[in-house]
């Protein structure tokens, strides 16, 4: 290839790259890098967490109830409601929710937006669920406080974590 052709080709590629970066359409032509995929899931996790937190002080707890019109939920119908608001369908029931996504056995591997399951009755039996916020905290709906932020690493919740689920 002659020097002139190489130079024109080089200038064309620089021009195309500049246009794509200026107008943001590179993602339409090039495969999305894995960094973008992580940003999307982080964004979805933030949306889920923000949705859950927006219901603090607005939701009534009632065991076995799923009543979005009156904002009355048990723990699992609340998580189901929050995920549904964000386009993700999960079943009702804390034990049924253990069958969605992939398991997270160790608290250290939980990510924002993961479901977190606890035993609040029979030891080892899952019967409560919330949404992980990060830093050992989760948001959930309970009879004592309604939708609130709870600490998994102290007090009542310290030894009750069973598993998490990453969707």
C-alpha atoms as a PDB file:
ATOM      1  CA  UNK A   1       0.000   0.000   0.000  1.00  0.00           C
ATOM      2  CA  UNK A   2       1.357   3.410  -0.889  1.00  0.00           C
ATOM      3  CA  UNK A   3       2.135   6.063   1.696  1.00  0.00           C
ATOM      4  CA  UNK A   4      -0.769   8.248   0.427  1.00  0.00           C
ATOM      5  CA  UNK A   5      -3.315   5.423   0.824  1.00  0.00           C
ATOM      6  CA  UNK A   6      -2.029   4.555   4.325  1.00  0.00           C
ATOM      7  CA  UNK A   7      -2.227   8.208   5.361  1.00  0.00           C
ATOM      8  CA  UNK A   8      -5.807   8.597   4.023  1.00  0.00           C
ATOM      9  CA  UNK A   9      -6.850   5.357   5.745  1.00  0.00           C
ATOM     10  CA  UNK A  10      -5.282   6.519   9.010  1.00  0.00           C
ATOM     11  CA  UNK A  11      -7.018   9.912   8.773  1.00  0.00           C
ATOM     12  CA  UNK A  12     -10.355   8.217   8.036  1.00  0.00           C
ATOM     13  CA  UNK A  13     -10.050   5.949  11.053  1.00  0.00           C
ATOM     14  CA  UNK A  14      -9.177   8.883  13.308  1.00  0.00           C
ATOM     15  CA  UNK A  15     -12.162  10.814  11.954  1.00  0.00           C
ATOM     16  CA  UNK A  16     -14.547   7.885  12.468  1.00  0.00           C
ATOM     17  CA  UNK A  17     -13.262   7.316  15.994  1.00  0.00           C
ATOM     18  CA  UNK A  18     -13.666  11.016  16.808  1.00  0.00           C
ATOM     19  CA  UNK A  19     -17.224  11.071  15.436  1.00  0.00           C
ATOM     20  CA  UNK A  20     -18.173   7.962  17.364  1.00  0.00           C
ATOM     21  CA  UNK A  21     -16.755   9.284  20.608  1.00  0.00           C
ATOM     22  CA  UNK A  22     -18.424  12.672  20.172  1.00  0.00           C
ATOM     23  CA  UNK A  23     -21.846  11.299  19.351  1.00  0.00           C
ATOM     24  CA  UNK A  24     -21.776   8.230  21.602  1.00  0.00           C
ATOM     25  CA  UNK A  25     -22.759   5.832  18.861  1.00  0.00           C
ATOM     26  CA  UNK A  26     -19.688   3.631  19.215  1.00  0.00           C
ATOM     27  CA  UNK A  27     -21.724   1.281  21.374  1.00  0.00           C
ATOM     28  CA  UNK A  28     -24.012   0.638  18.410  1.00  0.00           C
ATOM     29  CA  UNK A  29     -21.136  -0.584  16.254  1.00  0.00           C
ATOM     30  CA  UNK A  30     -18.733  -2.148  18.734  1.00  0.00           C
ATOM     31  CA  UNK A  31     -19.349  -4.908  21.268  1.00  0.00           C
ATOM     32  CA  UNK A  32     -20.089  -3.508  24.703  1.00  0.00           C
ATOM     33  CA  UNK A  33     -17.148  -3.870  27.080  1.00  0.00           C
ATOM     34  CA  UNK A  34     -17.694  -5.814  30.298  1.00  0.00           C
ATOM     35  CA  UNK A  35     -17.286  -2.592  32.302  1.00  0.00           C
ATOM     36  CA  UNK A  36     -20.534  -1.296  30.787  1.00  0.00           C
ATOM     37  CA  UNK A  37     -22.357  -4.487  31.796  1.00  0.00           C
ATOM     38  CA  UNK A  38     -21.251  -3.989  35.405  1.00  0.00           C
ATOM     39  CA  UNK A  39     -22.452  -0.377  35.317  1.00  0.00           C
ATOM     40  CA  UNK A  40     -25.879  -1.496  34.119  1.00  0.00           C
ATOM     41  CA  UNK A  41     -26.294  -4.055  36.897  1.00  0.00           C
ATOM     42  CA  UNK A  42     -25.048  -1.568  39.496  1.00  0.00           C
ATOM     43  CA  UNK A  43     -27.561   0.931  38.193  1.00  0.00           C
ATOM     44  CA  UNK A  44     -30.368  -1.663  38.456  1.00  0.00           C
ATOM     45  CA  UNK A  45     -29.248  -2.523  41.999  1.00  0.00           C
ATOM     46  CA  UNK A  46     -29.345   1.174  42.901  1.00  0.00           C
ATOM     47  CA  UNK A  47     -32.845   1.444  41.433  1.00  0.00           C
ATOM     48  CA  UNK A  48     -34.033  -1.568  43.447  1.00  0.00           C
ATOM     49  CA  UNK A  49     -32.515  -0.222  46.675  1.00  0.00           C
ATOM     50  CA  UNK A  50     -33.880   3.281  46.082  1.00  0.00           C
ATOM     51  CA  UNK A  51     -37.344   1.887  45.371  1.00  0.00           C
ATOM     52  CA  UNK A  52     -37.311  -0.135  48.602  1.00  0.00           C
ATOM     53  CA  UNK A  53     -36.043   2.787  50.664  1.00  0.00           C
ATOM     54  CA  UNK A  54     -38.706   5.096  49.231  1.00  0.00           C
ATOM     55  CA  UNK A  55     -41.369   3.047  51.071  1.00  0.00           C
ATOM     56  CA  UNK A  56     -39.959   3.644  54.581  1.00  0.00           C
ATOM     57  CA  UNK A  57     -42.777   4.823  56.815  1.00  0.00           C
ATOM     58  CA  UNK A  58     -45.411   4.174  54.136  1.00  0.00           C
ATOM     59  CA  UNK A  59     -45.918   0.402  54.302  1.00  0.00           C
ATOM     60  CA  UNK A  60     -47.856  -1.657  56.840  1.00  0.00           C
ATOM     61  CA  UNK A  61     -46.687  -5.170  57.696  1.00  0.00           C
ATOM     62  CA  UNK A  62     -49.230  -7.966  57.755  1.00  0.00           C
ATOM     63  CA  UNK A  63     -48.205 -11.624  57.561  1.00  0.00           C
ATOM     64  CA  UNK A  64     -49.474 -13.413  54.460  1.00  0.00           C
ATOM     65  CA  UNK A  65     -50.750 -10.212  52.824  1.00  0.00           C
ATOM     66  CA  UNK A  66     -49.948  -8.763  49.418  1.00  0.00           C
ATOM     67  CA  UNK A  67     -52.034  -5.612  48.968  1.00  0.00           C
ATOM     68  CA  UNK A  68     -50.199  -3.025  46.837  1.00  0.00           C
ATOM     69  CA  UNK A  69     -53.235  -0.711  46.698  1.00  0.00           C
ATOM     70  CA  UNK A  70     -53.101  -0.218  50.474  1.00  0.00           C
ATOM     71  CA  UNK A  71     -49.316  -0.710  50.757  1.00  0.00           C
ATOM     72  CA  UNK A  72     -49.770  -3.671  53.076  1.00  0.00           C
ATOM     73  CA  UNK A  73     -47.247  -6.485  52.682  1.00  0.00           C
ATOM     74  CA  UNK A  74     -45.431  -9.240  54.471  1.00  0.00           C
ATOM     75  CA  UNK A  75     -41.640  -9.405  53.994  1.00  0.00           C
ATOM     76  CA  UNK A  76     -41.668 -11.433  50.762  1.00  0.00           C
ATOM     77  CA  UNK A  77     -44.586  -9.657  49.124  1.00  0.00           C
ATOM     78  CA  UNK A  78     -42.690  -6.417  49.792  1.00  0.00           C
ATOM     79  CA  UNK A  79     -39.529  -7.706  48.057  1.00  0.00           C
ATOM     80  CA  UNK A  80     -41.716  -9.060  45.248  1.00  0.00           C
ATOM     81  CA  UNK A  81     -43.380  -5.630  44.916  1.00  0.00           C
ATOM     82  CA  UNK A  82     -40.036  -3.765  44.859  1.00  0.00           C
ATOM     83  CA  UNK A  83     -38.485  -6.061  42.257  1.00  0.00           C
ATOM     84  CA  UNK A  84     -41.653  -5.891  40.155  1.00  0.00           C
ATOM     85  CA  UNK A  85     -41.466  -2.081  40.198  1.00  0.00           C
ATOM     86  CA  UNK A  86     -38.034  -2.554  38.608  1.00  0.00           C
ATOM     87  CA  UNK A  87     -39.124  -5.030  35.925  1.00  0.00           C
ATOM     88  CA  UNK A  88     -38.022  -8.216  37.700  1.00  0.00           C
ATOM     89  CA  UNK A  89     -40.545 -10.942  38.455  1.00  0.00           C
ATOM     90  CA  UNK A  90     -39.952 -13.042  41.571  1.00  0.00           C
ATOM     91  CA  UNK A  91     -42.353 -15.368  43.414  1.00  0.00           C
ATOM     92  CA  UNK A  92     -44.128 -14.609  46.661  1.00  0.00           C
ATOM     93  CA  UNK A  93     -42.773 -16.360  49.752  1.00  0.00           C
ATOM     94  CA  UNK A  94     -39.331 -16.176  51.340  1.00  0.00           C
ATOM     95  CA  UNK A  95     -38.600 -19.865  50.709  1.00  0.00           C
ATOM     96  CA  UNK A  96     -39.829 -19.572  47.090  1.00  0.00           C
ATOM     97  CA  UNK A  97     -37.506 -16.595  46.602  1.00  0.00           C
ATOM     98  CA  UNK A  98     -34.533 -18.814  47.530  1.00  0.00           C
ATOM     99  CA  UNK A  99     -34.990 -20.520  44.140  1.00  0.00           C
ATOM    100  CA  UNK A 100     -34.416 -17.390  42.003  1.00  0.00           C
ATOM    101  CA  UNK A 101     -31.049 -16.083  40.848  1.00  0.00           C
ATOM    102  CA  UNK A 102     -27.818 -17.590  42.075  1.00  0.00           C
ATOM    103  CA  UNK A 103     -26.930 -18.416  45.694  1.00  0.00           C
ATOM    104  CA  UNK A 104     -24.669 -16.259  47.857  1.00  0.00           C
ATOM    105  CA  UNK A 105     -23.744 -18.288  50.938  1.00  0.00           C
ATOM    106  CA  UNK A 106     -21.221 -15.920  52.505  1.00  0.00           C
ATOM    107  CA  UNK A 107     -22.192 -12.440  53.728  1.00  0.00           C
ATOM    108  CA  UNK A 108     -18.854 -11.143  52.446  1.00  0.00           C
ATOM    109  CA  UNK A 109     -19.940 -11.852  48.857  1.00  0.00           C
ATOM    110  CA  UNK A 110     -23.302 -10.086  48.987  1.00  0.00           C
ATOM    111  CA  UNK A 111     -23.881  -7.254  46.524  1.00  0.00           C
ATOM    112  CA  UNK A 112     -26.226  -4.297  46.695  1.00  0.00           C
ATOM    113  CA  UNK A 113     -29.696  -5.365  45.522  1.00  0.00           C
ATOM    114  CA  UNK A 114     -29.302  -9.059  46.468  1.00  0.00           C
ATOM    115  CA  UNK A 115     -32.097 -10.799  48.331  1.00  0.00           C
ATOM    116  CA  UNK A 116     -31.037 -11.790  51.857  1.00  0.00           C
ATOM    117  CA  UNK A 117     -32.775 -14.632  53.674  1.00  0.00           C
ATOM    118  CA  UNK A 118     -32.994 -15.177  57.408  1.00  0.00           C
ATOM    119  CA  UNK A 119     -34.329 -17.597  59.986  1.00  0.00           C
ATOM    120  CA  UNK A 120     -36.555 -15.851  62.510  1.00  0.00           C
ATOM    121  CA  UNK A 121     -38.300 -18.929  63.890  1.00  0.00           C
ATOM    122  CA  UNK A 122     -37.121 -22.498  63.507  1.00  0.00           C
ATOM    123  CA  UNK A 123     -33.298 -22.427  63.358  1.00  0.00           C
ATOM    124  CA  UNK A 124     -32.072 -23.003  59.797  1.00  0.00           C
ATOM    125  CA  UNK A 125     -35.508 -22.533  58.214  1.00  0.00           C
ATOM    126  CA  UNK A 126     -35.826 -19.500  55.941  1.00  0.00           C
ATOM    127  CA  UNK A 127     -38.833 -17.396  56.864  1.00  0.00           C
ATOM    128  CA  UNK A 128     -37.755 -13.775  56.359  1.00  0.00           C
ATOM    129  CA  UNK A 129     -36.331 -11.890  53.376  1.00  0.00           C
ATOM    130  CA  UNK A 130     -34.973  -8.407  52.681  1.00  0.00           C
ATOM    131  CA  UNK A 131     -32.837  -6.524  50.151  1.00  0.00           C
ATOM    132  CA  UNK A 132     -29.120  -6.018  50.755  1.00  0.00           C
ATOM    133  CA  UNK A 133     -27.916  -2.395  50.857  1.00  0.00           C
ATOM    134  CA  UNK A 134     -24.193  -2.932  51.409  1.00  0.00           C
ATOM    135  CA  UNK A 135     -21.959  -2.600  54.481  1.00  0.00           C
ATOM    136  CA  UNK A 136     -23.870  -5.278  56.371  1.00  0.00           C
ATOM    137  CA  UNK A 137     -27.207  -3.469  56.116  1.00  0.00           C
ATOM    138  CA  UNK A 138     -30.477  -4.515  54.497  1.00  0.00           C
ATOM    139  CA  UNK A 139     -33.916  -3.024  53.986  1.00  0.00           C
ATOM    140  CA  UNK A 140     -36.911  -5.150  54.805  1.00  0.00           C
ATOM    141  CA  UNK A 141     -40.472  -5.120  56.032  1.00  0.00           C
ATOM    142  CA  UNK A 142     -40.993  -6.418  59.569  1.00  0.00           C
ATOM    143  CA  UNK A 143     -43.877  -6.460  62.058  1.00  0.00           C
ATOM    144  CA  UNK A 144     -41.993  -4.295  64.568  1.00  0.00           C
ATOM    145  CA  UNK A 145     -40.836  -1.415  62.337  1.00  0.00           C
ATOM    146  CA  UNK A 146     -42.328  -1.848  58.895  1.00  0.00           C
ATOM    147  CA  UNK A 147     -39.984  -0.962  56.034  1.00  0.00           C
ATOM    148  CA  UNK A 148     -36.703   0.039  57.658  1.00  0.00           C
ATOM    149  CA  UNK A 149     -32.952  -0.444  57.491  1.00  0.00           C
ATOM    150  CA  UNK A 150     -31.570  -3.262  59.625  1.00  0.00           C
ATOM    151  CA  UNK A 151     -28.007  -4.291  60.548  1.00  0.00           C
ATOM    152  CA  UNK A 152     -27.143  -7.912  59.740  1.00  0.00           C
ATOM    153  CA  UNK A 153     -24.006  -7.854  61.885  1.00  0.00           C
ATOM    154  CA  UNK A 154     -25.430  -6.888  65.256  1.00  0.00           C
ATOM    155  CA  UNK A 155     -28.429  -7.278  67.502  1.00  0.00           C
ATOM    156  CA  UNK A 156     -31.374  -9.417  66.483  1.00  0.00           C
ATOM    157  CA  UNK A 157     -30.151 -10.161  62.943  1.00  0.00           C
ATOM    158  CA  UNK A 158     -26.527 -11.053  63.768  1.00  0.00           C
ATOM    159  CA  UNK A 159     -26.842 -14.847  63.731  1.00  0.00           C
ATOM    160  CA  UNK A 160     -29.972 -15.245  61.600  1.00  0.00           C
ATOM    161  CA  UNK A 161     -28.574 -14.916  58.043  1.00  0.00           C
ATOM    162  CA  UNK A 162     -28.977 -18.122  56.013  1.00  0.00           C
ATOM    163  CA  UNK A 163     -28.260 -17.208  52.389  1.00  0.00           C
ATOM    164  CA  UNK A 164     -28.532 -14.541  49.754  1.00  0.00           C
ATOM    165  CA  UNK A 165     -29.662 -14.605  46.144  1.00  0.00           C
ATOM    166  CA  UNK A 166     -28.106 -12.576  43.351  1.00  0.00           C
ATOM    167  CA  UNK A 167     -30.561 -11.831  40.537  1.00  0.00           C
END
